[in-house]
Each structure stands twice: as C-alpha cells, then as structure tokens.
C-alpha atoms as a PDB file:
ATOM      1  CA  UNK A   1      11.092-150.359  72.387  1.00  0.00           C
ATOM      2  CA  UNK A   2      10.407-148.241  69.295  1.00  0.00           C
ATOM      3  CA  UNK A   3       6.678-148.989  69.473  1.00  0.00           C
ATOM      4  CA  UNK A   4       6.648-148.002  73.145  1.00  0.00           C
ATOM      5  CA  UNK A   5       8.316-144.660  72.373  1.00  0.00           C
ATOM      6  CA  UNK A   6       5.966-144.076  69.467  1.00  0.00           C
ATOM      7  CA  UNK A   7       2.927-144.723  71.658  1.00  0.00           C
ATOM      8  CA  UNK A   8       4.377-142.511  74.383  1.00  0.00           C
ATOM      9  CA  UNK A   9       4.581-139.540  71.990  1.00  0.00           C
ATOM     10  CA  UNK A  10       1.331-140.476  70.222  1.00  0.00           C
ATOM     11  CA  UNK A  11       3.086-141.232  66.962  1.00  0.00           C
ATOM     12  CA  UNK A  12       1.072-143.628  64.831  1.00  0.00           C
ATOM     13  CA  UNK A  13       3.357-144.465  61.957  1.00  0.00           C
ATOM     14  CA  UNK A  14       7.018-144.471  61.176  1.00  0.00           C
ATOM     15  CA  UNK A  15       6.361-141.900  58.442  1.00  0.00           C
ATOM     16  CA  UNK A  16       5.248-139.498  61.186  1.00  0.00           C
ATOM     17  CA  UNK A  17       8.690-139.875  62.760  1.00  0.00           C
ATOM     18  CA  UNK A  18      10.304-139.064  59.417  1.00  0.00           C
ATOM     19  CA  UNK A  19       8.043-136.047  58.943  1.00  0.00           C
ATOM     20  CA  UNK A  20       9.015-134.631  62.336  1.00  0.00           C
ATOM     21  CA  UNK A  21      12.688-135.316  61.679  1.00  0.00           C
ATOM     22  CA  UNK A  22      12.486-133.563  58.309  1.00  0.00           C
ATOM     23  CA  UNK A  23      10.682-130.569  59.832  1.00  0.00           C
ATOM     24  CA  UNK A  24      13.374-130.283  62.508  1.00  0.00           C
ATOM     25  CA  UNK A  25      16.062-130.322  59.806  1.00  0.00           C
ATOM     26  CA  UNK A  26      14.226-127.901  57.530  1.00  0.00           C
ATOM     27  CA  UNK A  27      11.090-126.189  58.863  1.00  0.00           C
ATOM     28  CA  UNK A  28      10.013-125.234  55.319  1.00  0.00           C
ATOM     29  CA  UNK A  29       9.486-128.962  54.692  1.00  0.00           C
ATOM     30  CA  UNK A  30       6.055-128.546  56.270  1.00  0.00           C
ATOM     31  CA  UNK A  31       4.905-126.748  53.101  1.00  0.00           C
ATOM     32  CA  UNK A  32       5.499-129.905  51.044  1.00  0.00           C
ATOM     33  CA  UNK A  33       3.043-131.955  53.109  1.00  0.00           C
ATOM     34  CA  UNK A  34      -0.407-132.518  51.595  1.00  0.00           C
ATOM     35  CA  UNK A  35      -2.291-132.024  54.838  1.00  0.00           C
ATOM     36  CA  UNK A  36       0.002-130.794  57.610  1.00  0.00           C
ATOM     37  CA  UNK A  37      -1.382-131.131  61.105  1.00  0.00           C
ATOM     38  CA  UNK A  38      -1.327-128.300  63.621  1.00  0.00           C
ATOM     39  CA  UNK A  39       1.503-130.024  65.489  1.00  0.00           C
ATOM     40  CA  UNK A  40       3.551-129.978  62.259  1.00  0.00           C
ATOM     41  CA  UNK A  41       3.005-126.221  61.963  1.00  0.00           C
ATOM     42  CA  UNK A  42       3.864-125.797  65.643  1.00  0.00           C
ATOM     43  CA  UNK A  43       7.118-127.702  65.220  1.00  0.00           C
ATOM     44  CA  UNK A  44       8.045-125.703  62.107  1.00  0.00           C
ATOM     45  CA  UNK A  45       7.200-122.367  63.765  1.00  0.00           C
ATOM     46  CA  UNK A  46       9.516-123.178  66.648  1.00  0.00           C
ATOM     47  CA  UNK A  47      12.299-123.360  64.058  1.00  0.00           C
ATOM     48  CA  UNK A  48      11.295-120.315  61.973  1.00  0.00           C
ATOM     49  CA  UNK A  49       8.595-117.775  62.783  1.00  0.00           C
ATOM     50  CA  UNK A  50       8.327-116.666  59.161  1.00  0.00           C
ATOM     51  CA  UNK A  51       6.443-119.845  58.265  1.00  0.00           C
ATOM     52  CA  UNK A  52       3.365-118.282  59.882  1.00  0.00           C
ATOM     53  CA  UNK A  53       2.640-116.734  56.485  1.00  0.00           C
ATOM     54  CA  UNK A  54       1.805-120.180  55.095  1.00  0.00           C
ATOM     55  CA  UNK A  55      -0.302-121.406  58.011  1.00  0.00           C
ATOM     56  CA  UNK A  56      -3.897-121.623  56.725  1.00  0.00           C
ATOM     57  CA  UNK A  57      -5.513-121.017  60.123  1.00  0.00           C
ATOM     58  CA  UNK A  58      -3.430-118.591  62.170  1.00  0.00           C
ATOM     59  CA  UNK A  59      -4.549-119.295  65.716  1.00  0.00           C
ATOM     60  CA  UNK A  60      -3.311-117.075  68.524  1.00  0.00           C
ATOM     61  CA  UNK A  61      -1.218-119.929  69.898  1.00  0.00           C
ATOM     62  CA  UNK A  62       0.606-120.429  66.579  1.00  0.00           C
ATOM     63  CA  UNK A  63       1.076-116.675  66.159  1.00  0.00           C
ATOM     64  CA  UNK A  64       2.607-116.455  69.639  1.00  0.00           C
ATOM     65  CA  UNK A  65       5.060-119.241  68.804  1.00  0.00           C
ATOM     66  CA  UNK A  66       6.049-117.380  65.634  1.00  0.00           C
ATOM     67  CA  UNK A  67       6.642-113.980  67.246  1.00  0.00           C
ATOM     68  CA  UNK A  68       8.532-115.514  70.168  1.00  0.00           C
ATOM     69  CA  UNK A  69      10.924-117.025  67.650  1.00  0.00           C
ATOM     70  CA  UNK A  70      11.167-113.834  65.580  1.00  0.00           C
ATOM     71  CA  UNK A  71       9.266-110.668  66.450  1.00  0.00           C
ATOM     72  CA  UNK A  72       9.413-109.445  62.849  1.00  0.00           C
ATOM     73  CA  UNK A  73       7.231-112.369  61.773  1.00  0.00           C
ATOM     74  CA  UNK A  74       4.421-110.089  62.982  1.00  0.00           C
ATOM     75  CA  UNK A  75       4.572-108.720  59.425  1.00  0.00           C
ATOM     76  CA  UNK A  76       3.199-112.017  58.127  1.00  0.00           C
ATOM     77  CA  UNK A  77       0.309-112.370  60.577  1.00  0.00           C
ATOM     78  CA  UNK A  78      -3.031-111.408  59.073  1.00  0.00           C
ATOM     79  CA  UNK A  79      -4.889-110.169  62.160  1.00  0.00           C
ATOM     80  CA  UNK A  80      -2.578-110.062  65.195  1.00  0.00           C
ATOM     81  CA  UNK A  81      -4.219-109.833  68.598  1.00  0.00           C
ATOM     82  CA  UNK A  82      -3.017-107.390  71.225  1.00  0.00           C
ATOM     83  CA  UNK A  83      -1.175-110.191  73.051  1.00  0.00           C
ATOM     84  CA  UNK A  84       0.620-111.191  69.843  1.00  0.00           C
ATOM     85  CA  UNK A  85       1.634-107.557  69.234  1.00  0.00           C
ATOM     86  CA  UNK A  86       2.984-107.181  72.774  1.00  0.00           C
ATOM     87  CA  UNK A  87       4.902-110.452  72.527  1.00  0.00           C
ATOM     88  CA  UNK A  88       6.428-109.390  69.198  1.00  0.00           C
ATOM     89  CA  UNK A  89       7.566-106.071  70.680  1.00  0.00           C
ATOM     90  CA  UNK A  90       9.080-107.884  73.683  1.00  0.00           C
ATOM     91  CA  UNK A  91      10.866-110.274  71.360  1.00  0.00           C
ATOM     92  CA  UNK A  92      12.331-107.570  69.127  1.00  0.00           C
ATOM     93  CA  UNK A  93      12.385-103.870  70.049  1.00  0.00           C
ATOM     94  CA  UNK A  94      12.582-102.865  66.390  1.00  0.00           C
ATOM     95  CA  UNK A  95       9.021-104.133  65.855  1.00  0.00           C
ATOM     96  CA  UNK A  96       7.684-100.933  67.467  1.00  0.00           C
ATOM     97  CA  UNK A  97       8.639 -99.141  64.230  1.00  0.00           C
ATOM     98  CA  UNK A  98       6.070-101.212  62.335  1.00  0.00           C
ATOM     99  CA  UNK A  99       3.212 -99.450  64.108  1.00  0.00           C
ATOM    100  CA  UNK A 100       2.043 -96.129  62.690  1.00  0.00           C
ATOM    101  CA  UNK A 101       0.854 -94.790  66.013  1.00  0.00           C
ATOM    102  CA  UNK A 102       1.624 -97.213  68.858  1.00  0.00           C
ATOM    103  CA  UNK A 103      -0.027 -96.543  72.176  1.00  0.00           C
ATOM    104  CA  UNK A 104       2.110 -95.598  75.138  1.00  0.00           C
ATOM    105  CA  UNK A 105       1.822 -98.996  76.802  1.00  0.00           C
ATOM    106  CA  UNK A 106       3.302-100.706  73.726  1.00  0.00           C
ATOM    107  CA  UNK A 107       6.145 -98.150  73.727  1.00  0.00           C
ATOM    108  CA  UNK A 108       6.896 -98.893  77.379  1.00  0.00           C
ATOM    109  CA  UNK A 109       6.971-102.616  76.594  1.00  0.00           C
ATOM    110  CA  UNK A 110       9.462-101.969  73.779  1.00  0.00           C
ATOM    111  CA  UNK A 111      11.712 -99.895  76.046  1.00  0.00           C
ATOM    112  CA  UNK A 112      11.477-102.543  78.771  1.00  0.00           C
ATOM    113  CA  UNK A 113      12.765-105.182  76.378  1.00  0.00           C
ATOM    114  CA  UNK A 114      15.537-103.053  74.820  1.00  0.00           C
ATOM    115  CA  UNK A 115      16.283 -99.499  75.917  1.00  0.00           C
ATOM    116  CA  UNK A 116      17.522 -98.583  72.414  1.00  0.00           C
ATOM    117  CA  UNK A 117      14.087 -99.225  70.919  1.00  0.00           C
ATOM    118  CA  UNK A 118      13.289 -95.599  71.861  1.00  0.00           C
ATOM    119  CA  UNK A 119      14.987 -94.808  68.537  1.00  0.00           C
ATOM    120  CA  UNK A 120      12.181 -96.494  66.608  1.00  0.00           C
ATOM    121  CA  UNK A 121       9.344 -94.725  68.416  1.00  0.00           C
ATOM    122  CA  UNK A 122       8.136 -91.966  66.135  1.00  0.00           C
ATOM    123  CA  UNK A 123       6.491 -89.842  68.822  1.00  0.00           C
ATOM    124  CA  UNK A 124       9.048 -89.694  71.643  1.00  0.00           C
ATOM    125  CA  UNK A 125       7.350 -88.053  74.599  1.00  0.00           C
ATOM    126  CA  UNK A 126       9.338 -86.753  77.563  1.00  0.00           C
ATOM    127  CA  UNK A 127       7.918 -89.530  79.729  1.00  0.00           C
ATOM    128  CA  UNK A 128       9.162 -92.201  77.317  1.00  0.00           C
ATOM    129  CA  UNK A 129      12.587 -90.554  77.098  1.00  0.00           C
ATOM    130  CA  UNK A 130      12.911 -90.411  80.880  1.00  0.00           C
ATOM    131  CA  UNK A 131      11.779 -94.025  81.141  1.00  0.00           C
ATOM    132  CA  UNK A 132      14.436 -95.109  78.632  1.00  0.00           C
ATOM    133  CA  UNK A 133      17.122 -93.118  80.441  1.00  0.00           C
ATOM    134  CA  UNK A 134      16.220 -94.692  83.756  1.00  0.00           C
ATOM    135  CA  UNK A 135      16.596 -98.105  82.110  1.00  0.00           C
ATOM    136  CA  UNK A 136      19.994 -97.157  80.696  1.00  0.00           C
ATOM    137  CA  UNK A 137      21.634 -93.735  80.332  1.00  0.00           C
ATOM    138  CA  UNK A 138      23.070 -94.771  76.955  1.00  0.00           C
ATOM    139  CA  UNK A 139      19.524 -94.372  75.618  1.00  0.00           C
ATOM    140  CA  UNK A 140      20.462 -90.701  75.184  1.00  0.00           C
ATOM    141  CA  UNK A 141      22.164 -91.749  71.934  1.00  0.00           C
ATOM    142  CA  UNK A 142      18.793 -92.877  70.534  1.00  0.00           C
ATOM    143  CA  UNK A 143      16.603 -89.966  71.627  1.00  0.00           C
ATOM    144  CA  UNK A 144      15.880 -87.708  68.662  1.00  0.00           C
ATOM    145  CA  UNK A 145      15.628 -84.270  70.291  1.00  0.00           C
ATOM    146  CA  UNK A 146      16.638 -84.513  73.943  1.00  0.00           C
ATOM    147  CA  UNK A 147      16.023 -81.542  76.210  1.00  0.00           C
ATOM    148  CA  UNK A 148      18.937 -80.010  78.108  1.00  0.00           C
ATOM    149  CA  UNK A 149      17.631 -81.538  81.302  1.00  0.00           C
ATOM    150  CA  UNK A 150      17.607 -85.018  79.740  1.00  0.00           C
ATOM    151  CA  UNK A 151      21.132 -84.550  78.342  1.00  0.00           C
ATOM    152  CA  UNK A 152      22.457 -83.359  81.702  1.00  0.00           C
ATOM    153  CA  UNK A 153      20.828 -86.259  83.528  1.00  0.00           C
ATOM    154  CA  UNK A 154      22.504 -88.803  81.247  1.00  0.00           C
ATOM    155  CA  UNK A 155      25.915 -87.200  80.978  1.00  0.00           C
ATOM    156  CA  UNK A 156      26.317 -86.669  84.727  1.00  0.00           C
ATOM    157  CA  UNK A 157      25.818 -90.373  85.345  1.00  0.00           C
ATOM    158  CA  UNK A 158      28.444 -91.695  82.929  1.00  0.00           C
ATOM    159  CA  UNK A 159      31.736 -89.901  82.244  1.00  0.00           C
ATOM    160  CA  UNK A 160      32.651 -92.024  79.231  1.00  0.00           C
ATOM    161  CA  UNK A 161      29.235 -91.360  77.710  1.00  0.00           C
ATOM    162  CA  UNK A 162      30.025 -87.635  77.691  1.00  0.00           C
ATOM    163  CA  UNK A 163      32.838 -88.153  75.156  1.00  0.00           C
ATOM    164  CA  UNK A 164      30.818 -90.532  72.999  1.00  0.00           C
ATOM    165  CA  UNK A 165      27.792 -88.239  73.091  1.00  0.00           C
ATOM    166  CA  UNK A 166      29.857 -85.247  71.930  1.00  0.00           C
ATOM    167  CA  UNK A 167      31.039 -87.266  68.910  1.00  0.00           C
ATOM    168  CA  UNK A 168      27.476 -88.446  68.306  1.00  0.00           C
ATOM    169  CA  UNK A 169      26.176 -84.869  68.275  1.00  0.00           C
ATOM    170  CA  UNK A 170      28.935 -83.840  65.828  1.00  0.00           C
ATOM    171  CA  UNK A 171      27.985 -86.673  63.443  1.00  0.00           C
ATOM    172  CA  UNK A 172      24.322 -85.639  63.625  1.00  0.00           C
ATOM    173  CA  UNK A 173      25.242 -82.018  62.963  1.00  0.00           C
ATOM    174  CA  UNK A 174      27.432 -83.047  60.023  1.00  0.00           C
ATOM    175  CA  UNK A 175      24.663 -85.191  58.513  1.00  0.00           C
ATOM    176  CA  UNK A 176      22.202 -82.314  58.823  1.00  0.00           C
ATOM    177  CA  UNK A 177      24.514 -79.790  57.148  1.00  0.00           C
ATOM    178  CA  UNK A 178      25.640 -82.093  54.331  1.00  0.00           C
ATOM    179  CA  UNK A 179      22.154 -83.181  53.287  1.00  0.00           C
END
C-alpha cells in the first residue's frame, strides 16, 4: 500500500516522505537540505512566502506562490515581473507603499483589493479617491486631503460616518498643531 501511494505521488524513497513532512512542519527546513528540488521550494513557499529570499533561482511561478502567501515577500524578490507585482498588491494592499511611483493601474488594483489601501498611495489623484469612495465610503478616513465634494459625497451616504469623520478630523488637526 505504501509503495503504491509513493508511486502515485512520484516519491522515490522514504526519506523523500520525511523531507516533505519536515517541510510541512517547518518550511525553513528546506534551507538545511544539500540540494533542495524545486518541489521542495514550492512546498516551503506555500507555508511561508519569505523563504523566496533563499531560493537560488526565483522563477515567476515560485515568486507568485510567495506573494500569494504574503504580499510583503515582494521585498525579497530580486527582479519581480509585472504579474508578480500585481499579485502582491492584490494579496496585501499595503504593498502599494513599497513603490516609489506606482502607475495608476497598480493603484486601482490595490484599491480593488482593499479600499483602505488609498492611504498608502503617495499621489492620491481625484480619480483614485472617487474610485475608493465608490468601493466604500469609509475610504474617506484614508484620503489625505479630500475636497469638499468628496467629503460631502461620503458623509451623505453614511450618518454614523459623519460622527466618526468629525473626530478623525479633530485628531488630524491636533496632530498638526502639536508637532
């Protein structure tokens, strides 16, 4: 029975079973192997995206596995492709802050995944602000300098938000005057 299962999953030796079991328990175990196979890296990356830093040959497939697990593992990828960048932003809206000057499409992807990621976009255009508000009016709390029109749009749609937003504005004003 064991041999049948091993042949079914293309496992040649019992030590291979132990290796996989150890990687599932602790993905950093893959670093102790003399010559880890790509499937070992793949299994470890499914557990922790940060292991991508130690992968000798960072293929796009392995990078995608890493950023799907944790978008911030993009920091450890040497030369991320556009697809890897987009996947990282979808996985974690905060990742948009890692880009010095992200293009508008990447910003829209970030807002699509999490409306609050507008906070981490350095150059908040009116179009991006409106897009975030249409996703969720609570995005007003994360827009740096909203216009009156944007504020009115958000506050008219949610009565409770009006109270919270007033407190939010007071905290911002207090921070600005104290510092």
